[in-house]
Amino acid sequence: MDENQFGALFELGVEKRRATLGDEYVERSLSGADDFSLPFQKALTGVCWGFCWADPTLDAKTRSLMNLTMLAALGRTSEWELHCRGALRNGVSKEELRAAIHIIAAYCGFPAALSCMHSARKILKEAEEKKGG
């Protein structure tokens, strides 16, 4: 892949990443990068978001649900919370989120699901407060 192709994936990745995680988070991640971490941020954005998330085969809602189950299986709690907020932004309903946590319980164990349930309740409460206020 040449520099132009990667640059296009990066730009597409920025767009997809912003749509899911929000402008503020992405801006903070990219502007906070230094000479040590910037190459990683560019690769993450180009590959994960530009190549994977921009593939039209799956919609963003399906990708979000897949991400939540994989992150739970890996025990990545902080990333799970970030992507839970993104899942809501991508149209995942409260009921779908609950169903995903049930699947997490069955395949990853109840301790993992309990952690996700606590996080989801906190995030849903935040979303309700933001909506109402």
C-alpha atoms as a PDB file:
ATOM      1  CA  MET A   1       0.000   0.000   0.000  1.00  0.00           C
ATOM      2  CA  ASP A   2       1.457   3.345  -0.967  1.00  0.00           C
ATOM      3  CA  GLU A   3       1.362   6.545   1.098  1.00  0.00           C
ATOM      4  CA  ASN A   4      -1.632   7.936  -0.836  1.00  0.00           C
ATOM      5  CA  GLN A   5      -3.705   4.808  -0.248  1.00  0.00           C
ATOM      6  CA  PHE A   6      -2.840   4.781   3.443  1.00  0.00           C
ATOM      7  CA  GLY A   7      -3.582   8.512   3.682  1.00  0.00           C
ATOM      8  CA  ALA A   8      -7.032   7.898   2.210  1.00  0.00           C
ATOM      9  CA  LEU A   9      -7.665   5.079   4.727  1.00  0.00           C
ATOM     10  CA  PHE A  10      -6.547   7.355   7.545  1.00  0.00           C
ATOM     11  CA  GLU A  11      -8.946  10.116   6.475  1.00  0.00           C
ATOM     12  CA  LEU A  12     -11.808   7.632   6.136  1.00  0.00           C
ATOM     13  CA  GLY A  13     -10.815   6.196   9.498  1.00  0.00           C
ATOM     14  CA  VAL A  14     -10.968   9.594  11.158  1.00  0.00           C
ATOM     15  CA  GLU A  15     -14.497  10.019   9.802  1.00  0.00           C
ATOM     16  CA  LYS A  16     -15.649   6.581  11.038  1.00  0.00           C
ATOM     17  CA  ARG A  17     -13.890   6.952  14.372  1.00  0.00           C
ATOM     18  CA  ARG A  18     -15.543  10.349  14.965  1.00  0.00           C
ATOM     19  CA  ALA A  19     -18.966   8.964  14.046  1.00  0.00           C
ATOM     20  CA  THR A  20     -18.677   6.217  16.659  1.00  0.00           C
ATOM     21  CA  LEU A  21     -16.539   7.671  19.441  1.00  0.00           C
ATOM     22  CA  GLY A  22     -17.338  11.357  19.060  1.00  0.00           C
ATOM     23  CA  ASP A  23     -15.373  14.376  17.887  1.00  0.00           C
ATOM     24  CA  GLU A  24     -14.044  15.259  21.338  1.00  0.00           C
ATOM     25  CA  TYR A  25     -12.532  11.822  21.994  1.00  0.00           C
ATOM     26  CA  VAL A  26     -10.916  11.559  18.551  1.00  0.00           C
ATOM     27  CA  GLU A  27      -9.585  15.105  18.659  1.00  0.00           C
ATOM     28  CA  ARG A  28      -8.068  14.470  22.086  1.00  0.00           C
ATOM     29  CA  SER A  29      -6.476  11.195  20.893  1.00  0.00           C
ATOM     30  CA  LEU A  30      -4.954  12.654  17.748  1.00  0.00           C
ATOM     31  CA  SER A  31      -3.929  16.070  19.055  1.00  0.00           C
ATOM     32  CA  GLY A  32      -2.481  14.499  22.204  1.00  0.00           C
ATOM     33  CA  ALA A  33      -0.220  12.220  20.201  1.00  0.00           C
ATOM     34  CA  ASP A  34       3.474  13.020  20.208  1.00  0.00           C
ATOM     35  CA  ASP A  35       6.344  11.858  18.010  1.00  0.00           C
ATOM     36  CA  PHE A  36       6.375   8.560  19.919  1.00  0.00           C
ATOM     37  CA  SER A  37       2.633   7.752  19.771  1.00  0.00           C
ATOM     38  CA  LEU A  38       1.549   9.471  16.527  1.00  0.00           C
ATOM     39  CA  PRO A  39       2.609   6.588  14.228  1.00  0.00           C
ATOM     40  CA  PHE A  40       0.495   4.237  16.372  1.00  0.00           C
ATOM     41  CA  GLN A  41      -2.516   6.603  16.286  1.00  0.00           C
ATOM     42  CA  LYS A  42      -2.227   6.836  12.504  1.00  0.00           C
ATOM     43  CA  ALA A  43      -2.010   3.045  12.110  1.00  0.00           C
ATOM     44  CA  LEU A  44      -4.900   2.455  14.514  1.00  0.00           C
ATOM     45  CA  THR A  45      -7.072   4.992  12.725  1.00  0.00           C
ATOM     46  CA  GLY A  46      -6.176   3.828   9.214  1.00  0.00           C
ATOM     47  CA  VAL A  47      -6.385   0.084   9.810  1.00  0.00           C
ATOM     48  CA  CYS A  48      -9.062  -0.348  12.481  1.00  0.00           C
ATOM     49  CA  TRP A  49     -11.329   2.495  11.447  1.00  0.00           C
ATOM     50  CA  GLY A  50     -10.488   3.146   7.784  1.00  0.00           C
ATOM     51  CA  PHE A  51     -10.080  -0.465   6.660  1.00  0.00           C
ATOM     52  CA  CYS A  52     -12.291  -2.409   9.095  1.00  0.00           C
ATOM     53  CA  TRP A  53     -15.044  -0.003  10.176  1.00  0.00           C
ATOM     54  CA  ALA A  54     -15.445   1.530   6.717  1.00  0.00           C
ATOM     55  CA  ASP A  55     -16.024  -1.846   5.046  1.00  0.00           C
ATOM     56  CA  PRO A  56     -19.669  -1.606   3.920  1.00  0.00           C
ATOM     57  CA  THR A  57     -20.371  -5.320   4.480  1.00  0.00           C
ATOM     58  CA  LEU A  58     -21.480  -4.788   8.098  1.00  0.00           C
ATOM     59  CA  ASP A  59     -23.302  -1.783   9.454  1.00  0.00           C
ATOM     60  CA  ALA A  60     -21.946   0.247  12.374  1.00  0.00           C
ATOM     61  CA  LYS A  61     -24.564  -1.113  14.785  1.00  0.00           C
ATOM     62  CA  THR A  62     -23.514  -4.728  14.099  1.00  0.00           C
ATOM     63  CA  ARG A  63     -19.839  -3.804  14.398  1.00  0.00           C
ATOM     64  CA  SER A  64     -20.522  -2.112  17.735  1.00  0.00           C
ATOM     65  CA  LEU A  65     -22.259  -5.201  19.119  1.00  0.00           C
ATOM     66  CA  MET A  66     -19.406  -7.397  17.902  1.00  0.00           C
ATOM     67  CA  ASN A  67     -16.879  -5.056  19.499  1.00  0.00           C
ATOM     68  CA  LEU A  68     -18.675  -5.125  22.844  1.00  0.00           C
ATOM     69  CA  THR A  69     -18.649  -8.913  22.991  1.00  0.00           C
ATOM     70  CA  MET A  70     -14.986  -9.170  21.973  1.00  0.00           C
ATOM     71  CA  LEU A  71     -13.870  -6.479  24.420  1.00  0.00           C
ATOM     72  CA  ALA A  72     -15.780  -8.220  27.223  1.00  0.00           C
ATOM     73  CA  ALA A  73     -14.140 -11.536  26.358  1.00  0.00           C
ATOM     74  CA  LEU A  74     -10.734  -9.858  26.517  1.00  0.00           C
ATOM     75  CA  GLY A  75     -11.529  -8.076  29.788  1.00  0.00           C
ATOM     76  CA  ARG A  76     -10.910  -4.621  28.296  1.00  0.00           C
ATOM     77  CA  THR A  77     -13.240  -2.702  30.622  1.00  0.00           C
ATOM     78  CA  SER A  78     -12.204   0.855  29.742  1.00  0.00           C
ATOM     79  CA  GLU A  79     -12.433   0.134  26.022  1.00  0.00           C
ATOM     80  CA  TRP A  80     -15.789  -1.607  26.651  1.00  0.00           C
ATOM     81  CA  GLU A  81     -17.165   1.580  28.201  1.00  0.00           C
ATOM     82  CA  LEU A  82     -15.853   3.704  25.343  1.00  0.00           C
ATOM     83  CA  HIS A  83     -17.420   1.383  22.768  1.00  0.00           C
ATOM     84  CA  CYS A  84     -20.655   1.100  24.748  1.00  0.00           C
ATOM     85  CA  ARG A  85     -21.079   4.852  24.312  1.00  0.00           C
ATOM     86  CA  GLY A  86     -20.205   4.397  20.645  1.00  0.00           C
ATOM     87  CA  ALA A  87     -22.737   1.585  20.303  1.00  0.00           C
ATOM     88  CA  LEU A  88     -25.494   3.878  21.555  1.00  0.00           C
ATOM     89  CA  ARG A  89     -24.310   6.506  19.049  1.00  0.00           C
ATOM     90  CA  ASN A  90     -24.506   3.800  16.352  1.00  0.00           C
ATOM     91  CA  GLY A  91     -28.134   3.021  17.134  1.00  0.00           C
ATOM     92  CA  VAL A  92     -27.849   0.092  19.563  1.00  0.00           C
ATOM     93  CA  SER A  93     -30.927   0.148  21.795  1.00  0.00           C
ATOM     94  CA  LYS A  94     -31.051  -0.460  25.530  1.00  0.00           C
ATOM     95  CA  GLU A  95     -32.700  -3.822  24.844  1.00  0.00           C
ATOM     96  CA  GLU A  96     -30.037  -4.834  22.311  1.00  0.00           C
ATOM     97  CA  LEU A  97     -27.325  -3.821  24.750  1.00  0.00           C
ATOM     98  CA  ARG A  98     -28.952  -5.988  27.431  1.00  0.00           C
ATOM     99  CA  ALA A  99     -29.166  -8.925  24.996  1.00  0.00           C
ATOM    100  CA  ALA A 100     -25.466  -8.529  24.165  1.00  0.00           C
ATOM    101  CA  ILE A 101     -24.635  -8.636  27.877  1.00  0.00           C
ATOM    102  CA  HIS A 102     -26.677 -11.843  28.187  1.00  0.00           C
ATOM    103  CA  ILE A 103     -24.565 -13.367  25.416  1.00  0.00           C
ATOM    104  CA  ILE A 104     -21.441 -12.145  27.187  1.00  0.00           C
ATOM    105  CA  ALA A 105     -22.639 -13.964  30.321  1.00  0.00           C
ATOM    106  CA  ALA A 106     -23.191 -17.212  28.426  1.00  0.00           C
ATOM    107  CA  TYR A 107     -19.897 -17.201  26.526  1.00  0.00           C
ATOM    108  CA  CYS A 108     -17.516 -15.112  28.660  1.00  0.00           C
ATOM    109  CA  GLY A 109     -18.895 -15.777  32.120  1.00  0.00           C
ATOM    110  CA  PHE A 110     -21.058 -13.991  34.607  1.00  0.00           C
ATOM    111  CA  PRO A 111     -18.219 -11.955  36.176  1.00  0.00           C
ATOM    112  CA  ALA A 112     -17.463 -10.380  32.782  1.00  0.00           C
ATOM    113  CA  ALA A 113     -21.153  -9.770  32.143  1.00  0.00           C
ATOM    114  CA  LEU A 114     -21.638  -8.265  35.594  1.00  0.00           C
ATOM    115  CA  SER A 115     -18.836  -5.794  34.927  1.00  0.00           C
ATOM    116  CA  CYS A 116     -20.460  -4.898  31.591  1.00  0.00           C
ATOM    117  CA  MET A 117     -23.879  -4.567  33.242  1.00  0.00           C
ATOM    118  CA  HIS A 118     -22.493  -2.103  35.807  1.00  0.00           C
ATOM    119  CA  SER A 119     -20.822  -0.080  33.066  1.00  0.00           C
ATOM    120  CA  ALA A 120     -23.881  -0.155  30.830  1.00  0.00           C
ATOM    121  CA  ARG A 121     -26.164   1.049  33.614  1.00  0.00           C
ATOM    122  CA  LYS A 122     -23.801   3.966  34.309  1.00  0.00           C
ATOM    123  CA  ILE A 123     -23.570   4.853  30.611  1.00  0.00           C
ATOM    124  CA  LEU A 124     -27.332   4.547  30.046  1.00  0.00           C
ATOM    125  CA  LYS A 125     -27.936   6.821  33.049  1.00  0.00           C
ATOM    126  CA  GLU A 126     -25.467   9.371  31.632  1.00  0.00           C
ATOM    127  CA  ALA A 127     -27.232   9.199  28.252  1.00  0.00           C
ATOM    128  CA  GLU A 128     -30.646   9.736  29.874  1.00  0.00           C
ATOM    129  CA  GLU A 129     -29.372  12.685  31.876  1.00  0.00           C
ATOM    130  CA  LYS A 130     -27.806  14.216  28.781  1.00  0.00           C
ATOM    131  CA  LYS A 131     -31.027  13.710  26.824  1.00  0.00           C
ATOM    132  CA  GLY A 132     -33.213  15.181  29.532  1.00  0.00           C
ATOM    133  CA  GLY A 133     -30.936  18.071  30.401  1.00  0.00           C
END
